[in-house]
Amino acid sequence: MEKLRLLEKIGEGGMSTVWKAWDKIDKRLVAVKVLKREFSARAEEVQNFKREELAMEELHHPGIVQAYEFANDHDEWYYVMEFVDGYSFGEYLKSHGHVREEDCLLICESVASALDYAWEQHGLVHCDLKPENIMINQAGEIKLMDLGIAYRFQFKPDGAQEVPDHVTGTPAYISPELVYGDVEPDCRADIYSLGATLYHLATGHTLFEDRDTIDEMMRAHCDEASQAPDPRRYRPKLSLAFVQLLEAMLVKNREDRLSTWADVIEMCRDVENGVQFCPRTSPGASSLCIEETANEEENP
């Protein structure tokens, strides 16, 4: 890393660390993601790490963190990417508890726009949307990060699809089809996960947080009888239209879910403009329970 001067560690996961650094050649602040040494000797892990960087480097959208370079230095694998001077919404939740409805809508539109580009131009499904992977910089710009388990849809002339050997995700936000693992994921998997993320941001609570185990939580995403509480139980001032947006994104059967990012953006803007929706008539069950009236008092 001769061209880089590491300044401070700004993040750490199970397989890698992230550092703030100064690029001495290009004269700019960057972020450096470093694969931990215990994984550097595993060819499959290095390949996955490289695939993550290549996906980020290929995508050129202001709402997606840009990667610049993948390299190896004395058997230490790392890649250099755009430095986001800000914080993740996972961090924001820890300090503020929840995000206002109007800000949730802006986050939704920004992420939907970025993922619409990723899907329409590159067939990419993020597969791990959650508050920790959505950042905001000092200019107020929303940035999507961490494509470590992103999946590229296999467009084939004959319409055939490939079911991946395995696609993982974070249990609190994973879509039912990723739990089942029996179909090729498309943008609708990310739409569900963004809905689950927005539920967490708006309420301060995750879907199915009352389940005792991770397996039970993941089954709840699939079970048509399982529903999370109406968000207004936690935040009574949320609008019915916003709750209906979440309901439409969180339909368990992807055939009945909002099917494109354009649909999500349009519905977000309708909510912002005060549009009242008719009750959803789709036969598909949702992970969200909408009650006729919200509780008058906010639960702790």
Foldseek 3Di string as FASTA:
>chain_A
DVQKDFDAWDADDPFWTKTWIARNVVGDIWIKIKGDQVCLVPPVSLVLVVVQLVLQCPQDDQQAKHWDDWDADPSITMTITHDAAWAFVVVVCVVPVADAPVVLLVLLLSVLVSVLCCCVVFVKAQQEDARRQWTAHPVRHIHGYDSSQIDHWDDDPVPDGDQDPAGDYDLLQFALCNLVSPGHDGNLRVLSSSLQRSLCRHQVDTQPPVDPDSVVSNVLLQDLVAAGEQSCLAVVPDDPLSSVLSQLSFFRPSVRHPPGSVSSNVSSVCVVVVHDDDPDPDPTGGNHDDDPHGDPDHDD
